[in-house]
Amino acid sequence: MDDKVSDKPEVYGIGNPLIDVLAQATDEEIDKMQLNKGTMTLIDTERGNYILEQIKDREKTYSCGGSAPNTMITLAALGVRTALAGTVGDDELGEIYHNRLIEKKVISDLVSIKGDTGSCIVLVTPDYERTMNTRLGVAQNYGPENVNHEKVAEANYLYFTGYMWNTESQKAALYKAIETAHQKGTKVVFDLADPFVVEGNYDDFHKLLDNGNIDILLANRDEARLLLGIDDPEKAARQLAGKGVVAAVKNCADGSCISPGEGKCINVNAYRVEAVDSTGAGDNYAAGFLYGLINGYSLSDAGKLASFIAAQVVCQTGAQFDDQRIREIKKAIEEGSWR
């Protein structure tokens, strides 16, 4: 990518840049492409190219997707200097992703390599059902040689999720970034991200925690249960904190439990809203929590703000806020009406 990183990021995110490609489709077209309507399916490059070919003449909208990218985009919208690292392809989708990221005021530290940009092709039928087809593309090729150690060292926080624990090259890159972070005093924030990811990386995640690699751990109840065998969020938060981390365990509509260690636990209530789409709730909880820490909030208030922002995103469709909703959230923060 050609743009220069001009500012020191407060949060440096490493994630899978997956561009969301949204297009309309009929039920007949869904059937013709042999897709399972209303589901998300992991696909390979060949299958992705086939679907894109079928909708090549269709009007499409593009947006920056991916779990860590969602967190960085919300933080940037709230005025936090954020950067995103990852690998995109040397193709049109990679260039679109890079440009849209900059439009979202996130510092692009993306690396362009040969191959196809990761994407999620979302086909919307007339009944508003979304059929999602995800291909990781070159996002899974992020490696140690791609880590910008200078930017990791400059940041207050290094942030990544369990979705980055997909390939050996990604794992090696994260270990290198964590090593630099600890050498330079950058706090390491890890979001487990998905129960399926925890199941597939159980031993690795325990090693990360047991070896003191993580400073702040975010998880939901199911992820914590799979990692620890404990179905009580408060007990899980305490046990995780016993490994030397600040642990936040989310429990959907029942709020979250945050433990700073020493057997303590802060219970944070959820905000009661009419949820329509849970996509991005965890990503935005992470953004709110980090925003609070960066701005000197107590752990209790950081958790409350995290819950508030997560509640706002589940009231809409999609994982990212439009400009109007961001203005409303910023006003609530400024006035303190979220408390």
C-alpha atoms as a PDB file:
ATOM      1  CA  MET A   1       0.000   0.000   0.000  1.00  0.00           C
ATOM      2  CA  ASP A   2       1.278   3.442  -0.886  1.00  0.00           C
ATOM      3  CA  ASP A   3      -0.126   5.659   1.881  1.00  0.00           C
ATOM      4  CA  LYS A   4       2.302   6.565   4.647  1.00  0.00           C
ATOM      5  CA  VAL A   5       1.471   5.894   8.283  1.00  0.00           C
ATOM      6  CA  SER A   6       1.662   9.437   9.617  1.00  0.00           C
ATOM      7  CA  ASP A   7       0.480   9.151  13.220  1.00  0.00           C
ATOM      8  CA  LYS A   8       1.388   6.990  16.147  1.00  0.00           C
ATOM      9  CA  PRO A   9      -1.585   4.685  16.762  1.00  0.00           C
ATOM     10  CA  GLU A  10      -3.069   4.393  20.219  1.00  0.00           C
ATOM     11  CA  VAL A  11      -4.408   0.964  19.259  1.00  0.00           C
ATOM     12  CA  TYR A  12      -2.632  -1.215  16.705  1.00  0.00           C
ATOM     13  CA  GLY A  13      -4.908  -3.958  15.428  1.00  0.00           C
ATOM     14  CA  ILE A  14      -3.787  -7.039  13.538  1.00  0.00           C
ATOM     15  CA  GLY A  15      -6.610  -8.868  11.824  1.00  0.00           C
ATOM     16  CA  ASN A  16      -8.089 -10.501   8.762  1.00  0.00           C
ATOM     17  CA  PRO A  17      -9.149  -7.792   6.282  1.00  0.00           C
ATOM     18  CA  LEU A  18     -12.227  -9.261   4.607  1.00  0.00           C
ATOM     19  CA  ILE A  19     -14.075  -6.974   2.261  1.00  0.00           C
ATOM     20  CA  ASP A  20     -17.837  -7.304   2.411  1.00  0.00           C
ATOM     21  CA  VAL A  21     -19.395  -7.380  -1.052  1.00  0.00           C
ATOM     22  CA  LEU A  22     -23.156  -6.841  -0.851  1.00  0.00           C
ATOM     23  CA  ALA A  23     -25.493  -7.484  -3.783  1.00  0.00           C
ATOM     24  CA  GLN A  24     -29.139  -8.326  -4.411  1.00  0.00           C
ATOM     25  CA  ALA A  25     -30.090 -11.791  -5.639  1.00  0.00           C
ATOM     26  CA  THR A  26     -33.243 -13.763  -6.296  1.00  0.00           C
ATOM     27  CA  ASP A  27     -34.171 -17.060  -4.707  1.00  0.00           C
ATOM     28  CA  GLU A  28     -33.733 -18.657  -8.125  1.00  0.00           C
ATOM     29  CA  GLU A  29     -30.176 -17.369  -8.374  1.00  0.00           C
ATOM     30  CA  ILE A  30     -29.389 -18.654  -4.877  1.00  0.00           C
ATOM     31  CA  ASP A  31     -30.639 -22.082  -5.977  1.00  0.00           C
ATOM     32  CA  LYS A  32     -28.725 -21.929  -9.250  1.00  0.00           C
ATOM     33  CA  MET A  33     -25.473 -21.221  -7.383  1.00  0.00           C
ATOM     34  CA  GLN A  34     -26.309 -24.086  -4.988  1.00  0.00           C
ATOM     35  CA  LEU A  35     -26.067 -21.869  -1.920  1.00  0.00           C
ATOM     36  CA  ASN A  36     -27.718 -22.500   1.431  1.00  0.00           C
ATOM     37  CA  LYS A  37     -29.978 -19.501   1.836  1.00  0.00           C
ATOM     38  CA  GLY A  38     -29.639 -17.531   5.061  1.00  0.00           C
ATOM     39  CA  THR A  39     -26.390 -19.209   6.179  1.00  0.00           C
ATOM     40  CA  MET A  40     -22.671 -18.380   6.276  1.00  0.00           C
ATOM     41  CA  THR A  41     -20.397 -20.771   4.398  1.00  0.00           C
ATOM     42  CA  LEU A  42     -16.595 -20.831   4.200  1.00  0.00           C
ATOM     43  CA  ILE A  43     -15.601 -21.095   0.547  1.00  0.00           C
ATOM     44  CA  ASP A  44     -12.371 -21.374  -1.416  1.00  0.00           C
ATOM     45  CA  THR A  45     -11.027 -18.930  -3.978  1.00  0.00           C
ATOM     46  CA  GLU A  46     -12.431 -20.829  -6.952  1.00  0.00           C
ATOM     47  CA  ARG A  47     -15.918 -20.862  -5.476  1.00  0.00           C
ATOM     48  CA  GLY A  48     -15.672 -17.173  -4.588  1.00  0.00           C
ATOM     49  CA  ASN A  49     -14.642 -16.255  -8.112  1.00  0.00           C
ATOM     50  CA  TYR A  50     -17.582 -18.242  -9.469  1.00  0.00           C
ATOM     51  CA  ILE A  51     -20.077 -16.335  -7.292  1.00  0.00           C
ATOM     52  CA  LEU A  52     -18.518 -12.973  -8.170  1.00  0.00           C
ATOM     53  CA  GLU A  53     -18.741 -13.883 -11.860  1.00  0.00           C
ATOM     54  CA  GLN A  54     -22.465 -14.600 -11.470  1.00  0.00           C
ATOM     55  CA  ILE A  55     -23.097 -11.119 -10.022  1.00  0.00           C
ATOM     56  CA  LYS A  56     -20.521  -9.184 -12.065  1.00  0.00           C
ATOM     57  CA  ASP A  57     -23.167  -6.948 -13.674  1.00  0.00           C
ATOM     58  CA  ARG A  58     -25.070  -6.407 -10.420  1.00  0.00           C
ATOM     59  CA  GLU A  59     -24.894  -3.176  -8.422  1.00  0.00           C
ATOM     60  CA  LYS A  60     -22.669  -3.855  -5.425  1.00  0.00           C
ATOM     61  CA  THR A  61     -21.672  -2.075  -2.235  1.00  0.00           C
ATOM     62  CA  TYR A  62     -18.312  -2.603  -0.551  1.00  0.00           C
ATOM     63  CA  SER A  63     -17.305  -2.195   3.080  1.00  0.00           C
ATOM     64  CA  CYS A  64     -14.365  -3.121   5.283  1.00  0.00           C
ATOM     65  CA  GLY A  65     -15.230  -6.301   7.145  1.00  0.00           C
ATOM     66  CA  GLY A  66     -13.524  -8.595   9.600  1.00  0.00           C
ATOM     67  CA  SER A  67     -13.643  -8.809  13.402  1.00  0.00           C
ATOM     68  CA  ALA A  68     -10.570  -6.760  14.392  1.00  0.00           C
ATOM     69  CA  PRO A  69     -11.267  -4.267  11.562  1.00  0.00           C
ATOM     70  CA  ASN A  70     -14.752  -3.661  13.008  1.00  0.00           C
ATOM     71  CA  THR A  71     -13.194  -2.792  16.373  1.00  0.00           C
ATOM     72  CA  MET A  72     -10.629  -0.450  14.818  1.00  0.00           C
ATOM     73  CA  ILE A  73     -13.281   1.301  12.722  1.00  0.00           C
ATOM     74  CA  THR A  74     -15.521   2.028  15.715  1.00  0.00           C
ATOM     75  CA  LEU A  75     -12.567   3.280  17.761  1.00  0.00           C
ATOM     76  CA  ALA A  76     -11.470   5.558  14.922  1.00  0.00           C
ATOM     77  CA  ALA A  77     -15.016   6.900  14.550  1.00  0.00           C
ATOM     78  CA  LEU A  78     -14.942   7.788  18.257  1.00  0.00           C
ATOM     79  CA  GLY A  79     -11.703   9.727  17.796  1.00  0.00           C
ATOM     80  CA  VAL A  80      -9.090   7.148  18.834  1.00  0.00           C
ATOM     81  CA  ARG A  81      -6.021   6.857  16.584  1.00  0.00           C
ATOM     82  CA  THR A  82      -6.093   3.294  15.330  1.00  0.00           C
ATOM     83  CA  ALA A  83      -4.156   1.309  12.756  1.00  0.00           C
ATOM     84  CA  LEU A  84      -4.972  -1.968  11.072  1.00  0.00           C
ATOM     85  CA  ALA A  85      -2.398  -4.482   9.881  1.00  0.00           C
ATOM     86  CA  GLY A  86      -3.116  -7.489   7.710  1.00  0.00           C
ATOM     87  CA  THR A  87      -2.644  -8.795   4.192  1.00  0.00           C
ATOM     88  CA  VAL A  88      -4.781  -8.061   1.154  1.00  0.00           C
ATOM     89  CA  GLY A  89      -4.377  -9.210  -2.437  1.00  0.00           C
ATOM     90  CA  ASP A  90      -2.871  -7.318  -5.337  1.00  0.00           C
ATOM     91  CA  ASP A  91      -6.329  -7.014  -6.845  1.00  0.00           C
ATOM     92  CA  GLU A  92      -9.187  -4.538  -7.148  1.00  0.00           C
ATOM     93  CA  LEU A  93     -10.819  -5.663  -3.892  1.00  0.00           C
ATOM     94  CA  GLY A  94      -7.558  -5.083  -2.008  1.00  0.00           C
ATOM     95  CA  GLU A  95      -7.342  -1.530  -3.302  1.00  0.00           C
ATOM     96  CA  ILE A  96     -10.980  -0.889  -2.470  1.00  0.00           C
ATOM     97  CA  TYR A  97     -10.444  -2.199   1.080  1.00  0.00           C
ATOM     98  CA  HIS A  98      -7.400   0.020   1.586  1.00  0.00           C
ATOM     99  CA  ASN A  99      -9.211   3.127   0.343  1.00  0.00           C
ATOM    100  CA  ARG A 100     -12.362   2.461   2.373  1.00  0.00           C
ATOM    101  CA  LEU A 101     -10.275   1.910   5.498  1.00  0.00           C
ATOM    102  CA  ILE A 102      -8.682   5.330   5.079  1.00  0.00           C
ATOM    103  CA  GLU A 103     -12.142   6.849   4.538  1.00  0.00           C
ATOM    104  CA  LYS A 104     -13.031   5.387   7.943  1.00  0.00           C
ATOM    105  CA  LYS A 105     -10.046   7.291   9.434  1.00  0.00           C
ATOM    106  CA  VAL A 106      -8.141   4.112  10.288  1.00  0.00           C
ATOM    107  CA  ILE A 107      -4.399   4.184   9.564  1.00  0.00           C
ATOM    108  CA  SER A 108      -3.823   1.529   6.907  1.00  0.00           C
ATOM    109  CA  ASP A 109      -0.833  -0.674   7.624  1.00  0.00           C
ATOM    110  CA  LEU A 110      -2.076  -3.296   5.194  1.00  0.00           C
ATOM    111  CA  VAL A 111       0.420  -5.242   3.107  1.00  0.00           C
ATOM    112  CA  SER A 112      -0.468  -6.131  -0.472  1.00  0.00           C
ATOM    113  CA  ILE A 113       0.723  -9.563  -1.605  1.00  0.00           C
ATOM    114  CA  LYS A 114       0.080 -11.699  -4.662  1.00  0.00           C
ATOM    115  CA  GLY A 115      -3.299 -13.390  -4.580  1.00  0.00           C
ATOM    116  CA  ASP A 116      -6.955 -12.719  -3.833  1.00  0.00           C
ATOM    117  CA  THR A 117      -8.204 -10.400  -1.117  1.00  0.00           C
ATOM    118  CA  GLY A 118     -10.301 -12.112   1.528  1.00  0.00           C
ATOM    119  CA  SER A 119     -13.983 -11.372   1.135  1.00  0.00           C
ATOM    120  CA  CYS A 120     -17.464 -12.069   2.386  1.00  0.00           C
ATOM    121  CA  ILE A 121     -19.916 -12.091  -0.491  1.00  0.00           C
ATOM    122  CA  VAL A 122     -23.330 -11.248   0.945  1.00  0.00           C
ATOM    123  CA  LEU A 123     -26.350 -11.959  -1.265  1.00  0.00           C
ATOM    124  CA  VAL A 124     -29.618 -10.374  -0.118  1.00  0.00           C
ATOM    125  CA  THR A 125     -32.878 -11.873  -1.354  1.00  0.00           C
ATOM    126  CA  PRO A 126     -36.166  -9.901  -1.596  1.00  0.00           C
ATOM    127  CA  ASP A 127     -37.212 -11.185   1.860  1.00  0.00           C
ATOM    128  CA  TYR A 128     -34.037  -9.532   3.302  1.00  0.00           C
ATOM    129  CA  GLU A 129     -32.393 -12.870   4.123  1.00  0.00           C
ATOM    130  CA  ARG A 130     -28.587 -12.697   3.910  1.00  0.00           C
ATOM    131  CA  THR A 131     -26.624 -15.568   2.391  1.00  0.00           C
ATOM    132  CA  MET A 132     -22.953 -15.115   3.259  1.00  0.00           C
ATOM    133  CA  ASN A 133     -19.990 -16.722   1.509  1.00  0.00           C
ATOM    134  CA  THR A 134     -16.624 -16.136   3.173  1.00  0.00           C
ATOM    135  CA  ARG A 135     -13.221 -16.788   1.642  1.00  0.00           C
ATOM    136  CA  LEU A 136     -10.134 -15.882   3.652  1.00  0.00           C
ATOM    137  CA  GLY A 137      -7.916 -15.435   0.605  1.00  0.00           C
ATOM    138  CA  VAL A 138      -4.464 -14.034   1.360  1.00  0.00           C
ATOM    139  CA  ALA A 139      -5.582 -12.744   4.776  1.00  0.00           C
ATOM    140  CA  GLN A 140      -4.406 -16.082   6.179  1.00  0.00           C
ATOM    141  CA  ASN A 141      -0.906 -15.543   4.731  1.00  0.00           C
ATOM    142  CA  TYR A 142       0.024 -12.753   7.161  1.00  0.00           C
ATOM    143  CA  GLY A 143       3.455 -13.711   8.489  1.00  0.00           C
ATOM    144  CA  PRO A 144       6.345 -12.577  10.732  1.00  0.00           C
ATOM    145  CA  GLU A 145       7.908 -10.630   7.862  1.00  0.00           C
ATOM    146  CA  ASN A 146       4.776  -8.461   7.697  1.00  0.00           C
ATOM    147  CA  VAL A 147       4.862  -7.257  11.319  1.00  0.00           C
ATOM    148  CA  ASN A 148       5.569  -3.527  11.658  1.00  0.00           C
ATOM    149  CA  HIS A 149       7.497  -3.640  14.934  1.00  0.00           C
ATOM    150  CA  GLU A 150       7.931   0.134  15.028  1.00  0.00           C
ATOM    151  CA  LYS A 151       4.170   0.697  15.042  1.00  0.00           C
ATOM    152  CA  VAL A 152       3.584  -2.062  17.599  1.00  0.00           C
ATOM    153  CA  ALA A 153       6.120  -0.369  19.865  1.00  0.00           C
ATOM    154  CA  GLU A 154       4.543   3.073  19.412  1.00  0.00           C
ATOM    155  CA  ALA A 155       1.016   1.942  20.313  1.00  0.00           C
ATOM    156  CA  ASN A 156      -0.549   1.879  23.757  1.00  0.00           C
ATOM    157  CA  TYR A 157      -2.380  -1.344  22.918  1.00  0.00           C
ATOM    158  CA  LEU A 158      -1.834  -4.244  20.523  1.00  0.00           C
ATOM    159  CA  TYR A 159      -5.169  -5.846  19.661  1.00  0.00           C
ATOM    160  CA  PHE A 160      -5.966  -9.117  17.913  1.00  0.00           C
ATOM    161  CA  THR A 161      -8.608 -11.843  17.993  1.00  0.00           C
ATOM    162  CA  GLY A 162      -8.722 -15.627  17.915  1.00  0.00           C
ATOM    163  CA  TYR A 163      -9.559 -15.477  14.206  1.00  0.00           C
ATOM    164  CA  MET A 164      -5.870 -14.719  13.602  1.00  0.00           C
ATOM    165  CA  TRP A 165      -4.973 -18.140  14.996  1.00  0.00           C
ATOM    166  CA  ASN A 166      -5.766 -19.816  11.691  1.00  0.00           C
ATOM    167  CA  THR A 167      -2.393 -20.618  10.091  1.00  0.00           C
ATOM    168  CA  GLU A 168       1.149 -21.226  11.318  1.00  0.00           C
ATOM    169  CA  SER A 169       2.360 -18.029   9.636  1.00  0.00           C
ATOM    170  CA  GLN A 170      -0.305 -15.965  11.418  1.00  0.00           C
ATOM    171  CA  LYS A 171       0.590 -17.527  14.765  1.00  0.00           C
ATOM    172  CA  ALA A 172       4.294 -16.854  14.242  1.00  0.00           C
ATOM    173  CA  ALA A 173       3.536 -13.242  13.326  1.00  0.00           C
ATOM    174  CA  LEU A 174       1.459 -12.693  16.442  1.00  0.00           C
ATOM    175  CA  TYR A 175       4.151 -14.156  18.696  1.00  0.00           C
ATOM    176  CA  LYS A 176       6.664 -11.736  17.159  1.00  0.00           C
ATOM    177  CA  ALA A 177       4.306  -8.797  17.645  1.00  0.00           C
ATOM    178  CA  ILE A 178       3.605  -9.820  21.256  1.00  0.00           C
ATOM    179  CA  GLU A 179       7.339 -10.063  21.943  1.00  0.00           C
ATOM    180  CA  THR A 180       7.878  -6.518  20.695  1.00  0.00           C
ATOM    181  CA  ALA A 181       4.840  -5.267  22.628  1.00  0.00           C
ATOM    182  CA  HIS A 182       6.162  -6.597  25.925  1.00  0.00           C
ATOM    183  CA  GLN A 183       9.648  -5.244  25.264  1.00  0.00           C
ATOM    184  CA  LYS A 184       8.278  -1.761  24.594  1.00  0.00           C
ATOM    185  CA  GLY A 185       5.489  -1.570  27.175  1.00  0.00           C
ATOM    186  CA  THR A 186       2.573  -1.981  24.769  1.00  0.00           C
ATOM    187  CA  LYS A 187      -0.374  -3.725  26.429  1.00  0.00           C
ATOM    188  CA  VAL A 188      -1.580  -6.868  24.625  1.00  0.00           C
ATOM    189  CA  VAL A 189      -5.355  -7.307  24.227  1.00  0.00           C
ATOM    190  CA  PHE A 190      -6.722 -10.653  23.040  1.00  0.00           C
ATOM    191  CA  ASP A 191     -10.377 -11.333  22.173  1.00  0.00           C
ATOM    192  CA  LEU A 192     -11.133 -15.053  21.922  1.00  0.00           C
ATOM    193  CA  ALA A 193     -13.722 -14.123  19.261  1.00  0.00           C
ATOM    194  CA  ASP A 194     -15.604 -17.378  18.633  1.00  0.00           C
ATOM    195  CA  PRO A 195     -16.356 -20.690  20.419  1.00  0.00           C
ATOM    196  CA  PHE A 196     -15.345 -22.623  17.298  1.00  0.00           C
ATOM    197  CA  VAL A 197     -11.942 -20.905  17.352  1.00  0.00           C
ATOM    198  CA  VAL A 198     -11.440 -21.788  21.027  1.00  0.00           C
ATOM    199  CA  GLU A 199     -12.235 -25.454  20.360  1.00  0.00           C
ATOM    200  CA  GLY A 200      -9.697 -25.580  17.540  1.00  0.00           C
ATOM    201  CA  ASN A 201      -6.914 -23.805  19.438  1.00  0.00           C
ATOM    202  CA  TYR A 202      -7.465 -24.907  23.036  1.00  0.00           C
ATOM    203  CA  ASP A 203      -3.828 -25.795  23.792  1.00  0.00           C
ATOM    204  CA  ASP A 204      -2.390 -22.721  22.055  1.00  0.00           C
ATOM    205  CA  PHE A 205      -4.679 -20.341  23.917  1.00  0.00           C
ATOM    206  CA  HIS A 206      -3.774 -21.883  27.262  1.00  0.00           C
ATOM    207  CA  LYS A 207      -0.088 -21.478  26.415  1.00  0.00           C
ATOM    208  CA  LEU A 208      -0.661 -17.827  25.522  1.00  0.00           C
ATOM    209  CA  LEU A 209      -2.202 -17.223  28.929  1.00  0.00           C
ATOM    210  CA  ASP A 210       0.107 -19.419  30.992  1.00  0.00           C
ATOM    211  CA  ASN A 211       3.233 -17.859  29.472  1.00  0.00           C
ATOM    212  CA  GLY A 212       2.185 -14.304  30.367  1.00  0.00           C
ATOM    213  CA  ASN A 213       1.673 -13.173  26.774  1.00  0.00           C
ATOM    214  CA  ILE A 214      -1.685 -11.448  27.358  1.00  0.00           C
ATOM    215  CA  ASP A 215      -2.540  -8.375  29.459  1.00  0.00           C
ATOM    216  CA  ILE A 216      -6.277  -8.087  28.748  1.00  0.00           C
ATOM    217  CA  LEU A 217      -8.517 -10.979  27.709  1.00  0.00           C
ATOM    218  CA  LEU A 218     -12.033 -10.601  26.315  1.00  0.00           C
ATOM    219  CA  ALA A 219     -14.372 -13.588  26.001  1.00  0.00           C
ATOM    220  CA  ASN A 220     -18.031 -14.442  26.020  1.00  0.00           C
ATOM    221  CA  ARG A 221     -19.596 -17.031  28.289  1.00  0.00           C
ATOM    222  CA  ASP A 222     -19.415 -19.864  25.746  1.00  0.00           C
ATOM    223  CA  GLU A 223     -15.778 -19.154  24.864  1.00  0.00           C
ATOM    224  CA  ALA A 224     -14.787 -19.031  28.539  1.00  0.00           C
ATOM    225  CA  ARG A 225     -16.663 -22.276  29.204  1.00  0.00           C
ATOM    226  CA  LEU A 226     -14.844 -24.071  26.401  1.00  0.00           C
ATOM    227  CA  LEU A 227     -11.491 -22.734  27.539  1.00  0.00           C
ATOM    228  CA  LEU A 228     -11.908 -23.373  31.260  1.00  0.00           C
ATOM    229  CA  GLY A 229     -14.774 -25.820  31.671  1.00  0.00           C
ATOM    230  CA  ILE A 230     -16.575 -23.221  33.809  1.00  0.00           C
ATOM    231  CA  ASP A 231     -20.103 -22.124  32.899  1.00  0.00           C
ATOM    232  CA  ASP A 232     -20.306 -19.291  35.446  1.00  0.00           C
ATOM    233  CA  PRO A 233     -19.051 -15.985  33.913  1.00  0.00           C
ATOM    234  CA  GLU A 234     -18.013 -14.543  37.268  1.00  0.00           C
ATOM    235  CA  LYS A 235     -16.010 -17.617  38.267  1.00  0.00           C
ATOM    236  CA  ALA A 236     -14.496 -17.770  34.779  1.00  0.00           C
ATOM    237  CA  ALA A 237     -13.410 -14.121  34.941  1.00  0.00           C
ATOM    238  CA  ARG A 238     -11.764 -14.698  38.318  1.00  0.00           C
ATOM    239  CA  GLN A 239      -9.934 -17.796  37.129  1.00  0.00           C
ATOM    240  CA  LEU A 240      -8.699 -16.046  33.992  1.00  0.00           C
ATOM    241  CA  ALA A 241      -7.530 -13.074  36.036  1.00  0.00           C
ATOM    242  CA  GLY A 242      -5.576 -15.510  38.186  1.00  0.00           C
ATOM    243  CA  LYS A 243      -3.357 -16.014  35.140  1.00  0.00           C
ATOM    244  CA  GLY A 244      -2.237 -12.384  35.345  1.00  0.00           C
ATOM    245  CA  VAL A 245      -4.703 -10.757  32.959  1.00  0.00           C
ATOM    246  CA  VAL A 246      -7.564  -8.311  33.268  1.00  0.00           C
ATOM    247  CA  ALA A 247     -10.449 -10.530  32.173  1.00  0.00           C
ATOM    248  CA  ALA A 248     -13.846  -9.478  30.853  1.00  0.00           C
ATOM    249  CA  VAL A 249     -16.402 -12.253  30.318  1.00  0.00           C
ATOM    250  CA  LYS A 250     -19.579 -11.234  28.470  1.00  0.00           C
ATOM    251  CA  ASN A 251     -22.916 -12.888  29.142  1.00  0.00           C
ATOM    252  CA  CYS A 252     -25.186 -11.420  26.447  1.00  0.00           C
ATOM    253  CA  ALA A 253     -28.270  -9.728  27.932  1.00  0.00           C
ATOM    254  CA  ASP A 254     -27.034 -10.459  31.459  1.00  0.00           C
ATOM    255  CA  GLY A 255     -24.091  -8.072  31.170  1.00  0.00           C
ATOM    256  CA  SER A 256     -20.456  -8.894  31.821  1.00  0.00           C
ATOM    257  CA  CYS A 257     -18.033  -9.712  34.612  1.00  0.00           C
ATOM    258  CA  ILE A 258     -14.665  -7.968  34.766  1.00  0.00           C
ATOM    259  CA  SER A 259     -11.890  -9.195  37.030  1.00  0.00           C
ATOM    260  CA  PRO A 260      -8.641  -7.306  37.631  1.00  0.00           C
ATOM    261  CA  GLY A 261      -7.279 -10.162  39.762  1.00  0.00           C
ATOM    262  CA  GLU A 262      -6.914 -10.800  43.487  1.00  0.00           C
ATOM    263  CA  GLY A 263     -10.264 -12.585  43.481  1.00  0.00           C
ATOM    264  CA  LYS A 264     -12.178  -9.407  42.668  1.00  0.00           C
ATOM    265  CA  CYS A 265     -14.979  -9.190  40.129  1.00  0.00           C
ATOM    266  CA  ILE A 266     -16.951  -6.217  38.814  1.00  0.00           C
ATOM    267  CA  ASN A 267     -20.446  -7.026  37.578  1.00  0.00           C
ATOM    268  CA  VAL A 268     -21.638  -4.782  34.746  1.00  0.00           C
ATOM    269  CA  ASN A 269     -25.287  -4.723  33.747  1.00  0.00           C
ATOM    270  CA  ALA A 270     -26.342  -4.909  30.125  1.00  0.00           C
ATOM    271  CA  TYR A 271     -28.411  -2.190  28.463  1.00  0.00           C
ATOM    272  CA  ARG A 272     -31.953  -3.305  27.672  1.00  0.00           C
ATOM    273  CA  VAL A 273     -32.671  -2.815  23.981  1.00  0.00           C
ATOM    274  CA  GLU A 274     -34.721  -4.397  21.212  1.00  0.00           C
ATOM    275  CA  ALA A 275     -32.043  -6.415  19.403  1.00  0.00           C
ATOM    276  CA  VAL A 276     -32.399  -7.038  15.677  1.00  0.00           C
ATOM    277  CA  ASP A 277     -28.915  -8.286  14.711  1.00  0.00           C
ATOM    278  CA  SER A 278     -26.126  -9.468  17.012  1.00  0.00           C
ATOM    279  CA  THR A 279     -23.440  -9.131  14.312  1.00  0.00           C
ATOM    280  CA  GLY A 280     -20.470  -7.170  15.646  1.00  0.00           C
ATOM    281  CA  ALA A 281     -21.646  -7.018  19.268  1.00  0.00           C
ATOM    282  CA  GLY A 282     -18.388  -8.454  20.588  1.00  0.00           C
ATOM    283  CA  ASP A 283     -16.271  -6.331  18.251  1.00  0.00           C
ATOM    284  CA  ASN A 284     -17.976  -3.176  19.480  1.00  0.00           C
ATOM    285  CA  TYR A 285     -17.811  -4.248  23.127  1.00  0.00           C
ATOM    286  CA  ALA A 286     -14.043  -4.422  22.623  1.00  0.00           C
ATOM    287  CA  ALA A 287     -14.035  -0.947  21.061  1.00  0.00           C
ATOM    288  CA  GLY A 288     -15.973   0.524  23.976  1.00  0.00           C
ATOM    289  CA  PHE A 289     -13.766  -1.180  26.557  1.00  0.00           C
ATOM    290  CA  LEU A 290     -10.563   0.058  24.904  1.00  0.00           C
ATOM    291  CA  TYR A 291     -12.001   3.556  24.487  1.00  0.00           C
ATOM    292  CA  GLY A 292     -12.693   3.628  28.212  1.00  0.00           C
ATOM    293  CA  LEU A 293      -9.192   2.471  29.158  1.00  0.00           C
ATOM    294  CA  ILE A 294      -7.524   4.930  26.778  1.00  0.00           C
ATOM    295  CA  ASN A 295      -9.541   7.779  28.289  1.00  0.00           C
ATOM    296  CA  GLY A 296      -8.735   6.877  31.877  1.00  0.00           C
ATOM    297  CA  TYR A 297     -12.061   5.294  32.869  1.00  0.00           C
ATOM    298  CA  SER A 298     -12.224   2.855  35.736  1.00  0.00           C
ATOM    299  CA  LEU A 299     -12.661  -0.800  34.782  1.00  0.00           C
ATOM    300  CA  SER A 300     -16.285  -0.551  35.878  1.00  0.00           C
ATOM    301  CA  ASP A 301     -16.994   2.456  33.637  1.00  0.00           C
ATOM    302  CA  ALA A 302     -15.009   0.977  30.749  1.00  0.00           C
ATOM    303  CA  GLY A 303     -17.223  -2.099  31.014  1.00  0.00           C
ATOM    304  CA  LYS A 304     -20.388   0.005  31.164  1.00  0.00           C
ATOM    305  CA  LEU A 305     -19.376   1.957  28.073  1.00  0.00           C
ATOM    306  CA  ALA A 306     -18.500  -1.293  26.293  1.00  0.00           C
ATOM    307  CA  SER A 307     -21.978  -2.635  27.082  1.00  0.00           C
ATOM    308  CA  PHE A 308     -23.581   0.617  25.930  1.00  0.00           C
ATOM    309  CA  ILE A 309     -21.831   0.583  22.551  1.00  0.00           C
ATOM    310  CA  ALA A 310     -22.518  -3.135  22.045  1.00  0.00           C
ATOM    311  CA  ALA A 311     -26.191  -2.455  22.783  1.00  0.00           C
ATOM    312  CA  GLN A 312     -26.302   0.247  20.126  1.00  0.00           C
ATOM    313  CA  VAL A 313     -24.963  -2.040  17.402  1.00  0.00           C
ATOM    314  CA  VAL A 314     -27.452  -4.852  18.031  1.00  0.00           C
ATOM    315  CA  CYS A 315     -30.308  -2.375  17.409  1.00  0.00           C
ATOM    316  CA  GLN A 316     -29.323  -2.146  13.748  1.00  0.00           C
ATOM    317  CA  THR A 317     -28.340  -4.393  10.870  1.00  0.00           C
ATOM    318  CA  GLY A 318     -24.593  -4.808  10.391  1.00  0.00           C
ATOM    319  CA  ALA A 319     -21.464  -4.493  12.519  1.00  0.00           C
ATOM    320  CA  GLN A 320     -20.583  -0.858  11.812  1.00  0.00           C
ATOM    321  CA  PHE A 321     -22.328   2.407  12.666  1.00  0.00           C
ATOM    322  CA  ASP A 322     -23.384   5.064  10.197  1.00  0.00           C
ATOM    323  CA  ASP A 323     -22.370   8.690  10.765  1.00  0.00           C
ATOM    324  CA  GLN A 324     -25.638   9.623  12.465  1.00  0.00           C
ATOM    325  CA  ARG A 325     -25.410   6.824  15.028  1.00  0.00           C
ATOM    326  CA  ILE A 326     -21.776   7.674  15.748  1.00  0.00           C
ATOM    327  CA  ARG A 327     -22.761  11.300  16.405  1.00  0.00           C
ATOM    328  CA  GLU A 328     -25.407  10.073  18.838  1.00  0.00           C
ATOM    329  CA  ILE A 329     -22.939   7.813  20.631  1.00  0.00           C
ATOM    330  CA  LYS A 330     -20.334  10.577  20.888  1.00  0.00           C
ATOM    331  CA  LYS A 331     -22.954  12.958  22.257  1.00  0.00           C
ATOM    332  CA  ALA A 332     -23.980  10.366  24.853  1.00  0.00           C
ATOM    333  CA  ILE A 333     -20.324   9.957  25.872  1.00  0.00           C
ATOM    334  CA  GLU A 334     -19.780  13.711  26.112  1.00  0.00           C
ATOM    335  CA  GLU A 335     -22.948  14.254  28.145  1.00  0.00           C
ATOM    336  CA  GLY A 336     -22.493  11.123  30.241  1.00  0.00           C
ATOM    337  CA  SER A 337     -26.038   9.982  29.469  1.00  0.00           C
ATOM    338  CA  TRP A 338     -24.763   6.428  28.847  1.00  0.00           C
ATOM    339  CA  ARG A 339     -23.935   5.940  32.522  1.00  0.00           C
END
